[in-house]
Each structure stands twice: as C-alpha cells, then as structure tokens.
Amino acid sequence: MGHKRHSKAMHWLTSLVLLFPVAALSQELVPSGGPPSDSIPRQPHDTTLLRRWVGWPLTLEFYGDTMLVVGDHHALDYRLTSDSLVATGDTSIRAQYRLSHGRLLLDLPDGSVITMATQKTLARPLTGHWIGALDSLGSAIPAELNLNADRSACWHVTPDGKWLQGEWDRQFRQVTMTWDNNEWIGIYDPQRNSILLRPIADSTHIPPTPGGSFQRVFRGPNTSGRCPAAGK
C-alpha cells in the first residue's frame, strides 16, 4: 500500500513536469530513502512558507509539524532549511524550493519548476478527524468528532461511548453541528487548526449546550473522518 501511494505521488510530480516546462536550476525532488537528517532544523528561516500552497494538481499545506499533501491526504513529518524541504511518512519527498514574488517555486529533477500560489487559511477544508473535550456544567468530557465531505458528522465520548450521528454546516468561521436534540456552535481557528465551541443558553437550549474545543489531527486510526454505521 505504501509503495502504491508513493508511486501515485511521484506520478503527480511527473505530470507536473509536463505541465510546467519552465527552465530552472538543476535541483532534486526524489524519494527519500530514510528519515531526514537531524542536522536539518525543524523551522524554516522564512516562516512565510508555512501556509497553504496550490499549484494544480498538487496542493501542500503546512500545519505545525505536519505537511499535508492534499488530494491523496498524506500527512508527513517535514523539516526545512532556507532552501530545502524534506518530508517523510508513507510518501517521502526531498525538494529544493525558492520564494519569489509571493510564489513558492519547487524545482524538479529535469530543471522544470512548479509554481505555487498561496491560498488563504480560511479556505482550508474542515473535513476530517478532531479530538478534544466537551465542557458541560464544569466537567471536561473527552470526545472525538468526525466531519465528512457530504456534510454528515458524528461524535462520541472517548474511548468507547456510542457514536451519535448528525450533520454540519459552515458560514465563514462559524461551524454549526446539528444532532438529534442538540446543536453545537463552533468558531474555526485556521491558524491553530481548532474548533472552539460556544455555549448557547436560551429558551431553545435547556440545559445550555456544551462548550469545549477540538483540535484536528492527521495521524491516528481514524484520520479519514469516516463515521461508523448508525448505532455502533
């Protein structure tokens, strides 16, 4: 499976060579044979790289210690210097990069360049797996939440509470999650990659809805965000 994913990622890059025949300095973008060297610092010299970069058909997102290869949903560990990028995981990549006129330029082995523009952090999708805690009447309850691309959602108390099914919607930073007899209102913070629940106490919410917060995770047993069958 890992080999197939690696081949798929490299197929994207091969396709991009044909799409972007721009002459450039000869640089390296090849599979990594192992984890990155400990001599490479974890933080870049230029923090403007830590954004969402889009260059069709490849999209890279940087979240803390994770680089997400969008489209194949690979969450990779990465390290950066001022001009090199090393990412390892089920797909491994080594690349040289440059920042020019607000664009990220990835140099390919044949001298071609992928030109990637930034996309605002608010454009990041909310789908996936979230873990956190609910605050109900002063008690913190550990929970996990899945938001799916078809607008369905589910959550349960960890580790083995029953999954509850529902749906979700989004308006800018506000995320509304609707369950059978309850509704959560959350505020999405794309910089911290979290959803902060806002308690609601009025005539339609008795007792008040819970507060709390959830953090998106890319690594783990259920990062795809799929919900189990009803009743499980």
Protein backbone atom coordinates (compact mmCIF):
# COMPACT_ATOMS: atom_id res chain seq x y z
CA MET A 1 0.00 0.00 0.00
CA GLY A 2 2.81 2.40 0.91
CA HIS A 3 4.53 1.64 -2.44
CA LYS A 4 1.31 2.37 -4.35
CA ARG A 5 0.87 5.68 -2.55
CA HIS A 6 4.46 6.61 -3.20
CA SER A 7 4.06 5.77 -6.90
CA LYS A 8 0.89 7.86 -7.07
CA ALA A 9 2.60 10.88 -5.51
CA MET A 10 5.54 10.60 -7.90
CA HIS A 11 3.07 10.25 -10.80
CA TRP A 12 1.65 13.67 -9.82
CA LEU A 13 5.12 15.15 -9.91
CA THR A 14 5.89 13.55 -13.28
CA SER A 15 2.66 15.02 -14.66
CA LEU A 16 3.62 18.43 -13.31
CA VAL A 17 6.93 18.31 -15.20
CA LEU A 18 4.90 18.20 -18.42
CA LEU A 19 2.57 20.97 -17.25
CA PHE A 20 5.28 23.38 -16.15
CA PRO A 21 8.17 23.26 -18.68
CA VAL A 22 9.95 26.22 -17.10
CA ALA A 23 13.73 26.21 -17.22
CA ALA A 24 15.40 26.36 -13.81
CA LEU A 25 18.48 25.37 -11.89
CA SER A 26 19.03 21.62 -11.62
CA GLN A 27 17.60 20.61 -8.25
CA GLU A 28 16.38 17.44 -6.56
CA LEU A 29 12.87 16.16 -5.96
CA VAL A 30 13.26 12.45 -5.34
CA PRO A 31 12.05 9.80 -2.88
CA SER A 32 13.76 9.90 0.46
CA GLY A 33 15.48 6.70 1.45
CA GLY A 34 15.02 7.33 5.17
CA PRO A 35 14.21 9.92 7.82
CA PRO A 36 15.65 13.41 7.40
CA SER A 37 19.00 14.22 8.89
CA ASP A 38 18.96 15.50 12.44
CA SER A 39 21.19 18.31 11.25
CA ILE A 40 18.26 19.89 9.38
CA PRO A 41 16.41 22.37 11.62
CA ARG A 42 12.68 21.87 12.10
CA GLN A 43 11.77 25.51 11.49
CA PRO A 44 12.39 27.42 8.25
CA HIS A 45 14.38 30.61 8.08
CA ASP A 46 11.42 32.22 6.28
CA THR A 47 8.13 31.45 8.04
CA THR A 48 6.13 32.68 5.02
CA LEU A 49 6.40 29.09 3.74
CA LEU A 50 4.09 27.84 6.50
CA ARG A 51 0.87 28.28 4.54
CA ARG A 52 -1.37 26.50 2.07
CA TRP A 53 0.28 26.38 -1.37
CA VAL A 54 -1.66 25.48 -4.51
CA GLY A 55 -0.21 24.62 -7.91
CA TRP A 56 -2.55 22.40 -9.90
CA PRO A 57 -2.79 19.46 -9.44
CA LEU A 58 -0.62 19.48 -6.33
CA THR A 59 -1.52 21.20 -3.05
CA LEU A 60 0.68 21.35 0.04
CA GLU A 61 -0.47 22.53 3.46
CA PHE A 62 1.75 23.12 6.47
CA TYR A 63 0.25 22.54 9.93
CA GLY A 64 2.70 22.77 12.81
CA ASP A 65 4.89 19.68 12.47
CA THR A 66 2.80 18.24 9.62
CA MET A 67 2.90 18.82 5.89
CA LEU A 68 -0.32 17.64 4.29
CA VAL A 69 -0.23 16.50 0.65
CA VAL A 70 -3.78 17.37 -0.36
CA GLY A 71 -5.56 15.15 -2.87
CA ASP A 72 -4.03 11.97 -1.51
CA HIS A 73 -4.34 13.01 2.15
CA HIS A 74 -0.77 12.12 3.15
CA ALA A 75 0.26 13.65 6.46
CA LEU A 76 4.04 13.85 6.52
CA ASP A 77 6.66 14.92 9.01
CA TYR A 78 8.76 17.67 7.47
CA ARG A 79 11.87 19.70 8.10
CA LEU A 80 13.06 22.84 6.39
CA THR A 81 16.16 24.90 5.83
CA SER A 82 16.18 28.21 3.98
CA ASP A 83 16.10 26.38 0.63
CA SER A 84 15.43 22.66 1.14
CA LEU A 85 12.33 20.67 2.07
CA VAL A 86 12.44 17.12 3.43
CA ALA A 87 9.15 15.35 4.17
CA THR A 88 8.84 11.75 5.34
CA GLY A 89 5.97 9.37 6.01
CA ASP A 90 4.12 6.89 3.81
CA THR A 91 5.30 9.15 0.98
CA SER A 92 8.76 10.71 1.21
CA ILE A 93 9.94 13.77 -0.69
CA ARG A 94 13.13 15.78 -0.94
CA ALA A 95 12.98 19.08 -2.77
CA GLN A 96 14.66 22.44 -3.24
CA TYR A 97 12.41 25.49 -3.01
CA ARG A 98 12.59 29.22 -3.57
CA LEU A 99 10.23 32.06 -2.71
CA SER A 100 9.85 34.69 -5.40
CA HIS A 101 7.28 37.49 -5.74
CA GLY A 102 4.99 35.77 -3.23
CA ARG A 103 5.17 32.40 -5.02
CA LEU A 104 6.64 29.10 -3.89
CA LEU A 105 8.84 27.57 -6.58
CA LEU A 106 9.59 23.84 -6.32
CA ASP A 107 12.47 22.74 -8.56
CA LEU A 108 12.07 19.39 -10.35
CA PRO A 109 14.86 16.99 -11.32
CA ASP A 110 14.77 17.94 -15.02
CA GLY A 111 15.10 21.64 -14.25
CA SER A 112 11.40 22.45 -14.53
CA VAL A 113 9.65 24.41 -11.81
CA ILE A 114 6.26 24.04 -10.13
CA THR A 115 4.86 27.49 -9.37
CA MET A 116 2.56 27.50 -6.35
CA ALA A 117 0.46 30.40 -5.08
CA THR A 118 -0.81 30.88 -1.53
CA GLN A 119 -4.42 30.29 -0.58
CA LYS A 120 -5.96 31.93 2.47
CA THR A 121 -6.03 29.73 5.56
CA LEU A 122 -9.79 30.12 5.85
CA ALA A 123 -10.10 28.15 2.61
CA ARG A 124 -8.78 25.05 4.34
CA PRO A 125 -11.39 22.28 4.46
CA LEU A 126 -12.88 21.28 7.81
CA THR A 127 -13.38 17.63 6.92
CA GLY A 128 -11.51 15.04 8.91
CA HIS A 129 -10.90 13.80 12.43
CA TRP A 130 -10.99 16.06 15.50
CA ILE A 131 -10.22 15.27 19.14
CA GLY A 132 -10.84 17.36 22.24
CA ALA A 133 -13.12 17.79 25.22
CA LEU A 134 -16.64 18.99 25.94
CA ASP A 135 -17.23 21.26 28.92
CA SER A 136 -20.65 20.51 30.39
CA LEU A 137 -21.60 22.01 33.76
CA GLY A 138 -17.95 22.42 34.69
CA SER A 139 -16.89 18.88 33.80
CA ALA A 140 -14.49 18.18 30.94
CA ILE A 141 -15.53 15.14 28.90
CA PRO A 142 -13.03 13.73 26.35
CA ALA A 143 -14.60 13.32 22.94
CA GLU A 144 -13.82 12.89 19.26
CA LEU A 145 -15.61 14.26 16.25
CA ASN A 146 -15.67 13.45 12.53
CA LEU A 147 -16.77 15.93 9.86
CA ASN A 148 -17.34 14.48 6.39
CA ALA A 149 -17.34 15.98 2.91
CA ASP A 150 -21.02 15.05 2.42
CA ARG A 151 -21.89 17.31 5.42
CA SER A 152 -22.60 14.35 7.68
CA ALA A 153 -20.99 14.29 11.13
CA CYS A 154 -20.65 12.07 14.17
CA TRP A 155 -19.16 12.27 17.65
CA HIS A 156 -18.76 10.17 20.76
CA VAL A 157 -17.30 10.26 24.24
CA THR A 158 -13.91 8.55 24.19
CA PRO A 159 -12.78 5.90 24.40
CA ASP A 160 -15.86 3.73 23.85
CA GLY A 161 -19.01 5.86 24.03
CA LYS A 162 -21.79 5.38 21.50
CA TRP A 163 -21.40 7.32 18.26
CA LEU A 164 -24.09 9.95 17.65
CA GLN A 165 -24.93 10.89 14.06
CA GLY A 166 -25.71 14.37 12.75
CA GLU A 167 -24.75 16.96 10.14
CA TRP A 168 -22.70 20.12 9.91
CA ASP A 169 -22.65 23.39 8.02
CA ARG A 170 -20.25 26.31 7.82
CA GLN A 171 -20.53 30.05 7.33
CA PHE A 172 -17.09 31.63 7.23
CA ARG A 173 -15.51 30.86 10.63
CA GLN A 174 -18.74 29.67 12.26
CA VAL A 175 -19.42 25.94 12.19
CA THR A 176 -22.85 24.60 13.15
CA MET A 177 -23.19 20.93 14.13
CA THR A 178 -26.72 19.58 14.48
CA TRP A 179 -27.55 16.40 16.38
CA ASP A 180 -30.93 14.80 17.21
CA ASN A 181 -31.82 17.03 20.14
CA ASN A 182 -28.87 19.37 20.31
CA GLU A 183 -26.89 21.93 18.35
CA TRP A 184 -23.28 22.99 18.71
CA ILE A 185 -21.92 26.31 17.50
CA GLY A 186 -18.18 26.37 16.94
CA ILE A 187 -15.69 29.00 15.80
CA TYR A 188 -12.99 27.70 13.48
CA ASP A 189 -9.46 28.97 14.07
CA PRO A 190 -7.47 28.02 10.94
CA GLN A 191 -4.16 29.24 12.38
CA ARG A 192 -4.42 26.95 15.41
CA ASN A 193 -6.33 24.30 13.45
CA SER A 194 -9.03 24.10 16.11
CA ILE A 195 -12.78 24.50 16.66
CA LEU A 196 -13.86 26.31 19.81
CA LEU A 197 -17.42 25.50 20.89
CA ARG A 198 -19.51 28.40 22.14
CA PRO A 199 -22.12 27.51 24.79
CA ILE A 200 -25.68 28.56 23.97
CA ALA A 201 -28.15 29.26 26.78
CA ASP A 202 -31.61 30.46 25.77
CA SER A 203 -35.20 29.29 25.68
CA THR A 204 -34.43 26.76 22.94
CA HIS A 205 -31.37 25.24 24.64
CA ILE A 206 -32.26 23.97 28.11
CA PRO A 207 -29.90 22.95 29.60
CA PRO A 208 -27.23 25.07 27.87
CA THR A 209 -25.26 23.46 25.08
CA PRO A 210 -21.71 22.39 25.97
CA GLY A 211 -18.59 24.43 25.43
CA GLY A 212 -15.19 22.94 24.76
CA SER A 213 -12.68 22.70 21.94
CA PHE A 214 -11.49 20.26 19.30
CA GLN A 215 -8.16 20.00 17.52
CA ARG A 216 -7.82 18.45 14.06
CA VAL A 217 -5.43 15.51 13.83
CA PHE A 218 -3.91 13.99 10.72
CA ARG A 219 -2.22 10.98 12.22
CA GLY A 220 -4.12 8.23 14.01
CA PRO A 221 -6.55 5.35 13.47
CA ASN A 222 -9.41 7.43 12.08
CA THR A 223 -7.93 10.41 10.28
CA SER A 224 -10.18 9.91 7.24
CA GLY A 225 -13.15 11.24 9.20
CA ARG A 226 -15.48 8.40 8.25
CA CYS A 227 -18.38 7.76 10.61
CA PRO A 228 -19.23 4.24 11.80
CA ALA A 229 -22.57 2.66 10.97
CA ALA A 230 -25.50 4.03 12.96
CA GLY A 231 -25.75 2.57 16.44
CA LYS A 232 -22.10 1.49 16.68
